Protein backbone atom coordinates (compact mmCIF):
# COMPACT_ATOMS: atom_id res chain seq x y z
CA MET A 1 -32.18 45.82 23.69
CA ASP A 2 -33.92 48.07 21.19
CA GLY A 3 -32.54 48.05 17.65
CA VAL A 4 -30.69 44.75 18.11
CA SER A 5 -31.80 41.60 16.27
CA VAL A 6 -30.39 38.08 16.27
CA ILE A 7 -30.03 36.41 12.87
CA THR A 8 -29.88 32.62 12.93
CA ASN A 9 -28.65 30.66 9.93
CA PRO A 10 -31.66 28.69 8.60
CA THR A 11 -29.45 25.70 7.85
CA VAL A 12 -26.86 23.79 9.84
CA SER A 13 -24.04 21.41 8.84
CA VAL A 14 -23.75 18.34 11.06
CA ARG A 15 -21.70 15.16 11.15
CA VAL A 16 -23.77 11.99 10.99
CA THR A 17 -22.67 8.66 12.45
CA SER A 18 -24.61 5.49 13.21
CA THR A 19 -24.48 2.01 14.69
CA ALA A 20 -24.99 0.61 11.18
CA ASN A 21 -21.43 1.38 10.07
CA SER A 22 -18.26 3.23 10.98
CA PHE A 23 -18.61 5.97 8.39
CA GLU A 24 -19.03 9.65 9.20
CA ALA A 25 -20.98 11.81 6.76
CA LEU A 26 -21.18 15.60 6.67
CA ARG A 27 -24.66 16.86 5.71
CA ARG A 28 -26.54 20.18 5.75
CA PHE A 29 -30.14 20.32 7.02
CA ASN A 30 -32.84 22.96 7.48
CA ARG A 31 -33.43 23.94 11.09
CA GLY A 32 -37.16 24.36 10.33
CA ILE A 33 -37.89 20.64 9.84
CA THR A 34 -39.26 18.47 12.60
CA ILE A 35 -37.28 15.66 14.16
CA ALA A 36 -39.63 13.19 12.44
CA GLU A 37 -38.82 14.76 9.06
CA PHE A 38 -35.15 14.82 10.00
CA LYS A 39 -35.23 11.06 10.65
CA CYS A 40 -36.73 10.44 7.21
CA LYS A 41 -33.86 12.34 5.60
CA LEU A 42 -31.35 10.36 7.65
CA GLU A 43 -32.70 7.10 6.20
CA LEU A 44 -30.85 7.87 2.95
CA VAL A 45 -27.65 8.61 4.86
CA VAL A 46 -27.38 5.70 7.31
CA GLY A 47 -29.77 3.11 5.85
CA ILE A 48 -31.84 2.73 9.04
CA GLN A 49 -35.63 3.01 9.03
CA ALA A 50 -36.91 6.24 10.61
CA SER A 51 -39.21 4.30 12.93
CA CYS A 52 -36.22 2.42 14.35
CA MET A 53 -34.07 5.48 15.08
CA ASP A 54 -32.92 6.97 18.35
CA LEU A 55 -30.97 10.19 17.91
CA GLN A 56 -28.21 11.51 20.15
CA LEU A 57 -26.69 14.97 19.88
CA PHE A 58 -22.97 15.53 20.47
CA SER A 59 -21.04 18.80 20.44
CA SER A 60 -18.36 19.71 17.90
CA THR A 61 -15.84 18.20 20.35
CA ASP A 62 -17.93 14.99 20.61
CA ALA A 63 -19.25 15.69 24.11
CA PHE A 64 -22.74 14.24 24.66
CA LEU A 65 -25.40 16.96 24.90
CA GLN A 66 -28.83 15.32 24.83
CA LYS A 67 -31.24 13.05 23.01
CA LEU A 68 -33.40 14.29 20.12
CA ASP A 69 -36.49 12.41 21.29
CA ASP A 70 -39.39 14.72 20.45
CA ASN A 71 -40.54 13.90 16.93
CA GLU A 72 -42.82 16.96 16.79
CA ALA A 73 -40.16 19.44 17.86
CA LEU A 74 -38.29 21.51 15.31
CA MET A 75 -34.65 20.72 14.77
CA GLY A 76 -33.86 24.37 15.47
CA SER A 77 -35.31 24.05 18.97
CA TYR A 78 -32.35 21.90 19.95
CA PRO A 79 -28.80 23.30 20.42
CA VAL A 80 -27.65 21.93 17.07
CA ASP A 81 -24.73 23.97 15.72
CA ASP A 82 -22.36 23.57 12.79
CA ASN A 83 -20.01 20.57 13.14
CA CYS A 84 -22.11 18.98 15.88
CA ARG A 85 -22.52 15.22 15.58
CA ILE A 86 -25.81 13.38 15.29
CA HIS A 87 -25.46 9.73 16.24
CA VAL A 88 -28.19 7.40 14.96
CA ILE A 89 -28.90 4.27 17.00
CA ASP A 90 -30.74 1.39 15.32
CA LYS A 91 -33.29 0.19 17.88
CA SER A 92 -34.05 -2.89 15.77
CA GLY A 93 -30.55 -4.24 16.43
CA SER A 94 -30.12 -5.26 12.79
CA GLY A 95 -27.36 -2.71 12.09
CA SER A 96 -24.05 -3.08 13.89
CA GLY A 97 -21.85 -3.06 10.82
CA GLY A 98 -24.12 -4.96 8.48
CA PHE A 99 -23.11 -2.78 5.56
CA GLU A 100 -19.40 -3.47 6.12
CA ASP A 101 -19.02 -7.07 7.26
CA LEU A 102 -18.83 -9.24 4.14
CA SER A 103 -17.45 -12.31 5.89
CA ALA A 104 -20.93 -13.80 6.27
CA VAL A 105 -21.84 -13.21 2.63
CA GLU A 106 -21.86 -16.37 0.57
CA LYS A 107 -19.52 -15.89 -2.36
CA PHE A 108 -20.07 -17.36 -5.80
CA GLN A 109 -17.08 -19.11 -7.34
CA LEU A 110 -17.23 -20.46 -10.86
CA PRO A 111 -15.42 -23.80 -11.30
CA ASP A 112 -12.31 -23.60 -13.48
CA GLU A 113 -13.70 -26.03 -16.07
CA ALA A 114 -16.91 -24.01 -16.42
CA TYR A 115 -14.93 -20.78 -16.75
CA ASP A 116 -12.90 -22.33 -19.58
CA LYS A 117 -16.11 -22.95 -21.54
CA ARG A 118 -17.28 -19.32 -21.38
CA SER A 119 -16.74 -17.48 -24.64
CA GLU A 120 -16.94 -13.93 -23.25
CA SER A 121 -14.36 -14.30 -20.47
CA VAL A 122 -10.95 -12.63 -20.26
CA ARG A 123 -9.31 -16.05 -20.48
CA SER A 124 -11.15 -16.78 -23.72
CA PHE A 125 -10.08 -13.41 -25.15
CA LEU A 126 -6.42 -14.09 -24.29
CA LYS A 127 -6.61 -17.53 -25.88
CA LYS A 128 -8.17 -16.25 -29.12
CA ASN A 129 -5.61 -13.48 -29.43
CA LYS A 130 -2.70 -15.60 -28.21
CA ALA A 131 -1.90 -12.98 -25.60
CA GLY A 132 -0.31 -13.16 -22.18
CA ARG A 133 0.57 -16.67 -21.01
CA PHE A 134 -1.29 -18.16 -23.98
CA ASN A 135 1.26 -16.79 -26.46
CA GLU A 136 3.36 -19.96 -26.57
CA GLU A 137 5.74 -18.65 -29.22
CA LYS A 138 6.50 -15.48 -27.26
CA ALA A 139 6.81 -17.45 -24.02
CA ALA A 140 9.27 -19.85 -25.69
CA GLN A 141 11.32 -16.93 -27.01
CA LYS A 142 11.39 -15.34 -23.59
CA GLU A 143 12.50 -18.59 -21.98
CA GLU A 144 15.22 -19.10 -24.61
CA LEU A 145 16.48 -15.55 -24.08
CA GLN A 146 16.66 -16.10 -20.34
CA VAL A 147 18.62 -19.34 -20.82
CA GLN A 148 21.06 -17.49 -23.06
CA ARG A 149 21.49 -14.70 -20.50
CA ASP A 150 22.07 -17.23 -17.73
CA ALA A 151 24.73 -18.99 -19.81
CA GLU A 152 26.52 -15.71 -20.56
CA GLU A 153 26.37 -14.72 -16.92
CA LYS A 154 27.83 -18.09 -15.88
CA LEU A 155 30.78 -17.70 -18.29
CA LEU A 156 31.53 -14.26 -16.89
CA ALA A 157 31.31 -15.56 -13.34
CA GLU A 158 33.69 -18.47 -14.10
CA ALA A 159 36.37 -15.95 -15.10
CA LEU A 160 36.31 -14.47 -11.59
CA ALA A 161 37.68 -15.89 -8.36
CA PRO A 162 37.94 -14.77 -4.74
CA GLY A 163 41.12 -12.82 -4.00
CA LEU A 164 41.39 -11.11 -7.40
CA ARG A 165 41.63 -7.34 -7.51
CA CYS A 166 38.83 -5.70 -9.49
CA GLU A 167 37.06 -2.56 -10.58
CA VAL A 168 33.29 -2.22 -10.42
CA GLN A 169 31.55 0.06 -12.89
CA LEU A 170 27.81 0.47 -12.30
CA MET A 171 25.71 2.64 -14.57
CA GLY A 172 25.59 6.23 -13.36
CA GLN A 173 28.13 5.64 -10.57
CA PRO A 174 31.88 6.28 -10.27
CA THR A 175 34.31 3.38 -10.69
CA ARG A 176 35.10 1.60 -7.43
CA ARG A 177 38.09 -0.62 -6.68
CA GLY A 178 38.10 -3.62 -4.42
CA THR A 179 38.73 -7.32 -4.00
CA VAL A 180 36.54 -10.20 -5.17
CA MET A 181 35.39 -12.11 -2.09
CA TYR A 182 32.60 -14.35 -3.38
CA VAL A 183 31.38 -15.72 -6.73
CA GLY A 184 28.28 -17.86 -7.15
CA ASN A 185 24.59 -18.20 -6.44
CA THR A 186 22.87 -16.57 -3.47
CA GLU A 187 19.66 -17.00 -1.52
CA PHE A 188 18.51 -13.39 -1.83
CA LYS A 189 18.18 -13.34 -5.65
CA PRO A 190 18.56 -15.82 -8.55
CA GLY A 191 21.52 -15.91 -10.90
CA TYR A 192 25.23 -15.42 -10.35
CA TRP A 193 26.52 -12.70 -8.05
CA VAL A 194 29.94 -11.34 -7.20
CA GLY A 195 30.68 -10.29 -3.64
CA VAL A 196 33.16 -7.42 -3.51
CA LYS A 197 35.00 -5.82 -0.61
CA TYR A 198 35.58 -2.19 -1.61
CA ASP A 199 38.72 -0.26 -0.69
CA GLU A 200 36.48 2.50 0.68
CA PRO A 201 33.26 2.35 2.75
CA LEU A 202 31.09 2.66 -0.34
CA GLY A 203 29.22 -0.61 0.05
CA LYS A 204 25.97 -1.65 1.73
CA HIS A 205 26.89 -4.31 4.28
CA ASP A 206 29.59 -6.47 5.91
CA GLY A 207 29.29 -9.38 3.49
CA SER A 208 26.00 -10.65 4.89
CA VAL A 209 22.51 -10.36 3.37
CA ASN A 210 19.28 -11.33 5.13
CA GLY A 211 21.21 -12.89 7.97
CA LYS A 212 23.49 -15.10 5.84
CA GLN A 213 27.24 -14.37 5.80
CA TYR A 214 28.74 -14.83 2.32
CA PHE A 215 32.12 -13.23 3.10
CA GLN A 216 33.77 -11.14 5.79
CA CYS A 217 34.51 -7.43 5.65
CA GLN A 218 33.93 -4.24 7.63
CA PRO A 219 30.45 -2.71 7.66
CA LYS A 220 29.68 -0.59 4.58
CA TYR A 221 32.61 -2.12 2.66
CA GLY A 222 30.72 -5.06 1.14
CA ALA A 223 28.45 -5.24 -1.91
CA PHE A 224 27.03 -7.73 -4.41
CA VAL A 225 27.05 -6.92 -8.12
CA LYS A 226 26.41 -8.83 -11.34
CA PRO A 227 29.48 -10.32 -13.12
CA GLN A 228 29.11 -8.07 -16.17
CA PHE A 229 29.92 -5.02 -14.02
CA VAL A 230 33.19 -6.46 -12.65
CA THR A 231 36.60 -6.25 -14.33
CA VAL A 232 39.55 -8.06 -12.77
CA GLY A 233 43.17 -7.00 -13.25
CA ASP A 234 46.14 -5.25 -11.68
CA PHE A 235 44.24 -2.61 -9.76
CA PRO A 236 46.33 -1.63 -6.72
CA GLU A 237 44.59 -0.05 -3.79
CA GLU A 238 44.55 3.70 -4.26
CA ASP A 239 46.23 5.96 -1.70
CA PHE A 240 43.69 8.52 -0.57
CA GLY A 241 46.14 10.26 1.74
CA LEU A 242 44.15 9.44 4.84
CA ASN A 243 47.33 9.10 6.92
CA ASP A 244 49.01 12.28 5.70
CA GLU A 245 49.73 14.91 8.30
CA MET A 246 47.75 18.13 8.05
């Protein structure tokens, strides 16, 4: 038709995949280059030699269109549009994930005794500066503090016993009333723990944690707290008026 011209974008953006790895790269190329020149540019993308390449063209929806097998033809002579996929096949057979599979790579491991002798290592730095686990004084202080905390926690736990009424006050939460059901060590965490059956369904479980039953109560009525958050005394169960007539 007279007066009508078709303008074709001189460049095209394509997705590049290969048998060498599972990566997909988005690259822009000039439609005016030959397929041979195109293969040379793909070397830097997929790591396969141009002479070992077979190229396949897929649509933007990954439907196979055709092979790009004429090295002298211009890239623009093929139906290559934006978001099409160019799949590069390594004819040499040396690809197939060679850039990704590190299992066959022999790994160097320095013996522990040799590493100790190195003066520029992280371990050497920590030793010189008495940092981390090499700070014996700080480690001893930390261990002593933990022993003291454990002793205090044990004394608090010994003042509690199953059957006693209690109040539980956790930081940032309202006071809850309940009954002490368990006092002692547990398998889920170290230290002393107090199992409480709340008067209301404000707990987390039925007295069991990780499949082990420490005490019995209804679901959502049981909880474990540290001894320092439990106060025992004459705390009668509150009447919340649940049985009042409306």
